[in-house]
N, C-alpha and C. Protein backbone atom coordinates (compact mmCIF):
# COMPACT_ATOMS: atom_id res chain seq x y z
N MET A 1 4.43 -16.75 7.24
CA MET A 1 3.27 -15.88 7.23
C MET A 1 1.98 -16.70 7.24
N ALA A 2 1.99 -17.84 6.58
CA ALA A 2 0.78 -18.66 6.52
C ALA A 2 0.42 -19.20 7.89
N GLY A 3 1.43 -19.48 8.70
CA GLY A 3 1.19 -19.99 10.05
C GLY A 3 0.50 -18.96 10.93
N VAL A 4 0.87 -17.69 10.76
CA VAL A 4 0.28 -16.61 11.54
C VAL A 4 -1.19 -16.45 11.17
N VAL A 5 -1.47 -16.47 9.87
CA VAL A 5 -2.85 -16.33 9.41
C VAL A 5 -3.69 -17.52 9.85
N GLU A 6 -3.11 -18.70 9.79
CA GLU A 6 -3.82 -19.91 10.22
C GLU A 6 -4.16 -19.83 11.71
N LYS A 7 -3.22 -19.41 12.53
CA LYS A 7 -3.48 -19.26 13.96
C LYS A 7 -4.55 -18.22 14.23
N PHE A 8 -4.53 -17.13 13.45
CA PHE A 8 -5.53 -16.09 13.61
C PHE A 8 -6.93 -16.61 13.29
N PHE A 9 -7.06 -17.34 12.19
CA PHE A 9 -8.38 -17.86 11.82
C PHE A 9 -8.87 -18.92 12.80
N ILE A 10 -7.97 -19.73 13.32
CA ILE A 10 -8.37 -20.73 14.32
C ILE A 10 -8.84 -20.03 15.59
N ALA A 11 -8.10 -19.03 16.04
CA ALA A 11 -8.50 -18.29 17.25
C ALA A 11 -9.82 -17.56 17.02
N SER A 12 -9.99 -16.97 15.84
CA SER A 12 -11.25 -16.27 15.53
C SER A 12 -12.43 -17.23 15.51
N THR A 13 -12.22 -18.41 14.97
CA THR A 13 -13.27 -19.42 14.94
C THR A 13 -13.65 -19.83 16.35
N PHE A 14 -12.66 -20.06 17.19
CA PHE A 14 -12.95 -20.44 18.58
C PHE A 14 -13.65 -19.30 19.33
N MET A 15 -13.29 -18.05 18.99
CA MET A 15 -13.95 -16.92 19.67
C MET A 15 -15.43 -16.82 19.30
N TRP A 16 -15.82 -17.39 18.19
CA TRP A 16 -17.24 -17.41 17.82
C TRP A 16 -17.92 -18.70 18.28
N VAL A 17 -17.28 -19.83 18.09
CA VAL A 17 -17.92 -21.12 18.33
C VAL A 17 -18.10 -21.42 19.81
N VAL A 18 -17.08 -21.21 20.61
CA VAL A 18 -17.13 -21.59 22.03
C VAL A 18 -18.22 -20.83 22.79
N PRO A 19 -18.32 -19.50 22.69
CA PRO A 19 -19.39 -18.82 23.43
C PRO A 19 -20.80 -19.22 22.96
N ILE A 20 -20.95 -19.39 21.66
CA ILE A 20 -22.27 -19.80 21.16
C ILE A 20 -22.61 -21.20 21.63
N ALA A 21 -21.62 -22.09 21.67
CA ALA A 21 -21.86 -23.45 22.18
C ALA A 21 -22.23 -23.42 23.66
N ILE A 22 -21.59 -22.56 24.42
CA ILE A 22 -21.93 -22.45 25.85
C ILE A 22 -23.34 -21.94 26.02
N LEU A 23 -23.70 -20.90 25.30
CA LEU A 23 -25.06 -20.37 25.40
C LEU A 23 -26.10 -21.39 24.96
N TYR A 24 -25.83 -22.07 23.85
CA TYR A 24 -26.74 -23.09 23.35
C TYR A 24 -26.85 -24.26 24.33
N GLY A 25 -25.72 -24.67 24.87
CA GLY A 25 -25.72 -25.78 25.82
C GLY A 25 -26.50 -25.48 27.08
N PHE A 26 -26.38 -24.28 27.60
CA PHE A 26 -27.15 -23.92 28.79
C PHE A 26 -28.63 -23.80 28.49
N ASN A 27 -28.97 -23.27 27.33
CA ASN A 27 -30.38 -23.12 26.99
C ASN A 27 -31.06 -24.44 26.65
N HIS A 28 -30.28 -25.46 26.29
CA HIS A 28 -30.84 -26.77 25.96
C HIS A 28 -30.47 -27.83 27.00
N ASN A 29 -30.06 -27.39 28.18
CA ASN A 29 -29.79 -28.26 29.33
C ASN A 29 -28.77 -29.36 29.04
N TRP A 30 -27.71 -29.03 28.33
CA TRP A 30 -26.65 -29.99 28.07
C TRP A 30 -25.69 -30.12 29.24
N PHE A 31 -25.63 -29.11 30.08
CA PHE A 31 -24.69 -29.11 31.19
C PHE A 31 -25.37 -29.63 32.45
N PRO A 32 -24.70 -30.49 33.21
CA PRO A 32 -25.31 -31.02 34.43
C PRO A 32 -25.61 -29.91 35.43
N GLY A 33 -26.78 -29.96 36.00
CA GLY A 33 -27.17 -28.99 37.00
C GLY A 33 -27.86 -27.77 36.45
N SER A 34 -27.84 -27.60 35.14
CA SER A 34 -28.47 -26.41 34.57
C SER A 34 -29.99 -26.54 34.54
N THR A 35 -30.50 -27.74 34.72
CA THR A 35 -31.96 -27.91 34.74
C THR A 35 -32.57 -27.38 36.02
N HIS A 36 -31.78 -27.27 37.09
CA HIS A 36 -32.29 -26.82 38.38
C HIS A 36 -32.21 -25.31 38.54
N LEU A 37 -31.66 -24.62 37.54
CA LEU A 37 -31.52 -23.16 37.63
C LEU A 37 -32.73 -22.47 37.02
N SER A 38 -33.03 -21.29 37.54
CA SER A 38 -34.10 -20.49 36.95
C SER A 38 -33.62 -19.92 35.61
N SER A 39 -34.55 -19.44 34.79
CA SER A 39 -34.15 -18.91 33.48
C SER A 39 -33.25 -17.69 33.64
N TYR A 40 -33.49 -16.89 34.69
CA TYR A 40 -32.65 -15.73 34.97
C TYR A 40 -31.22 -16.19 35.30
N SER A 41 -31.09 -17.21 36.12
CA SER A 41 -29.77 -17.73 36.48
C SER A 41 -29.06 -18.36 35.30
N VAL A 42 -29.82 -19.06 34.48
CA VAL A 42 -29.22 -19.67 33.28
C VAL A 42 -28.66 -18.59 32.37
N THR A 43 -29.40 -17.51 32.20
CA THR A 43 -28.94 -16.41 31.35
C THR A 43 -27.67 -15.79 31.91
N LEU A 44 -27.65 -15.53 33.22
CA LEU A 44 -26.47 -14.93 33.83
C LEU A 44 -25.25 -15.84 33.77
N VAL A 45 -25.43 -17.09 34.14
CA VAL A 45 -24.29 -18.02 34.18
C VAL A 45 -23.77 -18.28 32.78
N SER A 46 -24.66 -18.51 31.83
CA SER A 46 -24.19 -18.81 30.47
C SER A 46 -23.53 -17.58 29.85
N GLY A 47 -24.06 -16.40 30.08
CA GLY A 47 -23.43 -15.19 29.54
C GLY A 47 -22.07 -14.94 30.15
N PHE A 48 -21.98 -15.14 31.47
CA PHE A 48 -20.70 -14.95 32.16
C PHE A 48 -19.67 -15.94 31.65
N LEU A 49 -20.04 -17.20 31.51
CA LEU A 49 -19.10 -18.21 31.02
C LEU A 49 -18.73 -17.97 29.56
N ALA A 50 -19.65 -17.46 28.77
CA ALA A 50 -19.34 -17.15 27.37
C ALA A 50 -18.30 -16.04 27.28
N VAL A 51 -18.45 -15.01 28.10
CA VAL A 51 -17.48 -13.91 28.11
C VAL A 51 -16.12 -14.41 28.60
N ILE A 52 -16.12 -15.21 29.64
CA ILE A 52 -14.87 -15.77 30.15
C ILE A 52 -14.19 -16.63 29.09
N SER A 53 -14.98 -17.41 28.34
CA SER A 53 -14.39 -18.27 27.32
C SER A 53 -13.72 -17.46 26.21
N VAL A 54 -14.31 -16.34 25.83
CA VAL A 54 -13.69 -15.48 24.82
C VAL A 54 -12.36 -14.93 25.35
N ASN A 55 -12.34 -14.52 26.60
CA ASN A 55 -11.09 -14.02 27.18
C ASN A 55 -10.03 -15.10 27.28
N VAL A 56 -10.42 -16.31 27.55
CA VAL A 56 -9.47 -17.43 27.59
C VAL A 56 -8.89 -17.67 26.20
N VAL A 57 -9.72 -17.63 25.18
CA VAL A 57 -9.24 -17.82 23.81
C VAL A 57 -8.28 -16.70 23.42
N ILE A 58 -8.61 -15.46 23.77
CA ILE A 58 -7.72 -14.33 23.47
C ILE A 58 -6.39 -14.49 24.21
N GLY A 59 -6.45 -14.90 25.47
CA GLY A 59 -5.22 -15.13 26.23
C GLY A 59 -4.37 -16.23 25.62
N PHE A 60 -5.01 -17.30 25.16
CA PHE A 60 -4.28 -18.38 24.52
C PHE A 60 -3.65 -17.91 23.21
N TYR A 61 -4.35 -17.07 22.45
CA TYR A 61 -3.82 -16.53 21.21
C TYR A 61 -2.61 -15.65 21.48
N ILE A 62 -2.68 -14.83 22.51
CA ILE A 62 -1.55 -13.98 22.88
C ILE A 62 -0.36 -14.83 23.32
N TYR A 63 -0.64 -15.88 24.09
CA TYR A 63 0.44 -16.78 24.52
C TYR A 63 1.13 -17.42 23.32
N MET A 64 0.34 -17.87 22.35
CA MET A 64 0.93 -18.49 21.16
C MET A 64 1.75 -17.47 20.35
N ALA A 65 1.28 -16.22 20.30
CA ALA A 65 2.03 -15.18 19.58
C ALA A 65 3.34 -14.87 20.29
N MET A 66 3.31 -14.85 21.61
CA MET A 66 4.53 -14.55 22.37
C MET A 66 5.53 -15.70 22.29
N LYS A 67 5.05 -16.91 22.05
CA LYS A 67 5.91 -18.08 22.00
C LYS A 67 6.65 -18.20 20.67
N GLU A 68 6.21 -17.49 19.64
CA GLU A 68 6.88 -17.55 18.34
C GLU A 68 8.27 -16.94 18.44
N PRO A 69 9.24 -17.52 17.75
CA PRO A 69 10.59 -16.95 17.79
C PRO A 69 10.62 -15.60 17.07
N SER A 70 11.34 -14.66 17.65
CA SER A 70 11.39 -13.31 17.07
C SER A 70 12.30 -13.24 15.85
N ASN A 71 13.25 -14.14 15.72
CA ASN A 71 14.15 -14.12 14.57
C ASN A 71 13.52 -14.78 13.35
N LYS A 72 12.32 -15.30 13.49
CA LYS A 72 11.63 -15.98 12.39
C LYS A 72 11.15 -14.98 11.34
N HIS A 73 10.80 -13.78 11.77
CA HIS A 73 10.25 -12.78 10.87
C HIS A 73 11.33 -11.77 10.49
N VAL A 74 11.61 -11.67 9.20
CA VAL A 74 12.64 -10.77 8.69
C VAL A 74 11.95 -9.75 7.78
N PRO A 75 12.19 -8.45 7.99
CA PRO A 75 11.55 -7.45 7.14
C PRO A 75 12.08 -7.51 5.71
N ASP A 76 11.26 -7.06 4.79
CA ASP A 76 11.64 -7.02 3.38
C ASP A 76 12.73 -5.98 3.19
N PRO A 77 13.89 -6.35 2.63
CA PRO A 77 14.99 -5.39 2.49
C PRO A 77 14.64 -4.20 1.58
N ASN A 78 13.83 -4.42 0.54
CA ASN A 78 13.43 -3.31 -0.34
C ASN A 78 12.60 -2.29 0.43
N PHE A 79 11.70 -2.77 1.26
CA PHE A 79 10.86 -1.87 2.05
C PHE A 79 11.71 -1.06 3.03
N VAL A 80 12.66 -1.71 3.68
CA VAL A 80 13.53 -1.02 4.64
C VAL A 80 14.36 0.04 3.92
N ALA A 81 14.89 -0.29 2.74
CA ALA A 81 15.71 0.67 1.99
C ALA A 81 14.87 1.88 1.56
N GLU A 82 13.65 1.64 1.09
CA GLU A 82 12.79 2.75 0.68
C GLU A 82 12.40 3.62 1.88
N ALA A 83 12.15 2.99 3.02
CA ALA A 83 11.79 3.76 4.21
C ALA A 83 12.95 4.64 4.66
N LYS A 84 14.15 4.10 4.66
CA LYS A 84 15.33 4.89 5.06
C LYS A 84 15.56 6.05 4.10
N SER A 85 15.41 5.79 2.80
CA SER A 85 15.64 6.87 1.83
C SER A 85 14.57 7.95 1.94
N SER A 86 13.34 7.56 2.25
CA SER A 86 12.28 8.57 2.38
C SER A 86 12.49 9.41 3.64
N LEU A 87 13.05 8.83 4.69
CA LEU A 87 13.33 9.61 5.90
C LEU A 87 14.49 10.57 5.68
N GLN A 88 15.47 10.16 4.91
CA GLN A 88 16.62 11.03 4.66
C GLN A 88 16.28 12.15 3.69
N SER A 89 15.32 11.96 2.80
CA SER A 89 15.00 12.98 1.81
C SER A 89 13.91 13.94 2.30
N ARG A 90 13.39 13.75 3.51
CA ARG A 90 12.38 14.65 4.05
C ARG A 90 12.98 16.01 4.37
N PRO A 91 12.25 17.11 4.09
CA PRO A 91 12.77 18.43 4.47
C PRO A 91 12.76 18.58 5.99
N ASN A 92 13.57 19.48 6.47
CA ASN A 92 13.67 19.71 7.91
C ASN A 92 12.37 20.33 8.41
N GLU A 93 11.69 19.67 9.31
CA GLU A 93 10.40 20.14 9.79
C GLU A 93 10.49 21.25 10.83
N THR A 94 11.65 21.43 11.44
CA THR A 94 11.77 22.46 12.47
C THR A 94 11.68 23.85 11.88
N GLU A 95 12.14 24.03 10.65
CA GLU A 95 12.06 25.33 10.01
C GLU A 95 10.63 25.67 9.59
N ASP A 96 9.83 24.65 9.29
CA ASP A 96 8.49 24.86 8.75
C ASP A 96 7.44 24.46 9.77
N SER A 97 7.67 24.77 11.03
CA SER A 97 6.68 24.39 12.04
C SER A 97 5.47 25.29 11.97
N SER A 98 4.37 24.84 12.49
CA SER A 98 3.12 25.60 12.41
C SER A 98 3.15 26.86 13.27
N SER A 99 3.99 26.90 14.29
CA SER A 99 4.05 28.08 15.16
C SER A 99 4.76 29.26 14.49
N THR A 100 5.66 29.00 13.53
CA THR A 100 6.39 30.09 12.88
C THR A 100 5.72 30.56 11.59
N ARG A 101 4.80 29.81 11.10
CA ARG A 101 4.12 30.20 9.86
C ARG A 101 3.02 31.21 10.15
N GLU A 102 2.82 32.10 9.20
CA GLU A 102 1.74 33.05 9.32
C GLU A 102 0.52 32.53 8.61
N LYS A 103 -0.63 32.92 9.08
CA LYS A 103 -1.88 32.47 8.48
C LYS A 103 -2.20 33.36 7.28
N HIS A 104 -2.45 32.75 6.13
CA HIS A 104 -2.83 33.48 4.92
C HIS A 104 -4.28 33.16 4.62
N GLU A 105 -5.05 34.24 4.43
CA GLU A 105 -6.47 34.03 4.12
C GLU A 105 -6.80 34.52 2.75
């Protein structure tokens, strides 16, 4: 469980840091060729690249989640037992459906 949370926080950090670094870098002429662009072009290009970078980070996070082995996570047996018992002890809902009940005011 700690590995999942760690991956989530790393991905969340990258989703904040990378776009801000791209925007900051374009506004402070850190990238080659950005000095020759107009301010309108700098805004468009940096915003577009920032959005793309967030999508790349999300895609990488999804890839890492899909790569985890499925047999690694085992449900809590107490939770499963309680869920099964609560499903078996539920009254039959077909008899008490909303279409057969009369409205009492």
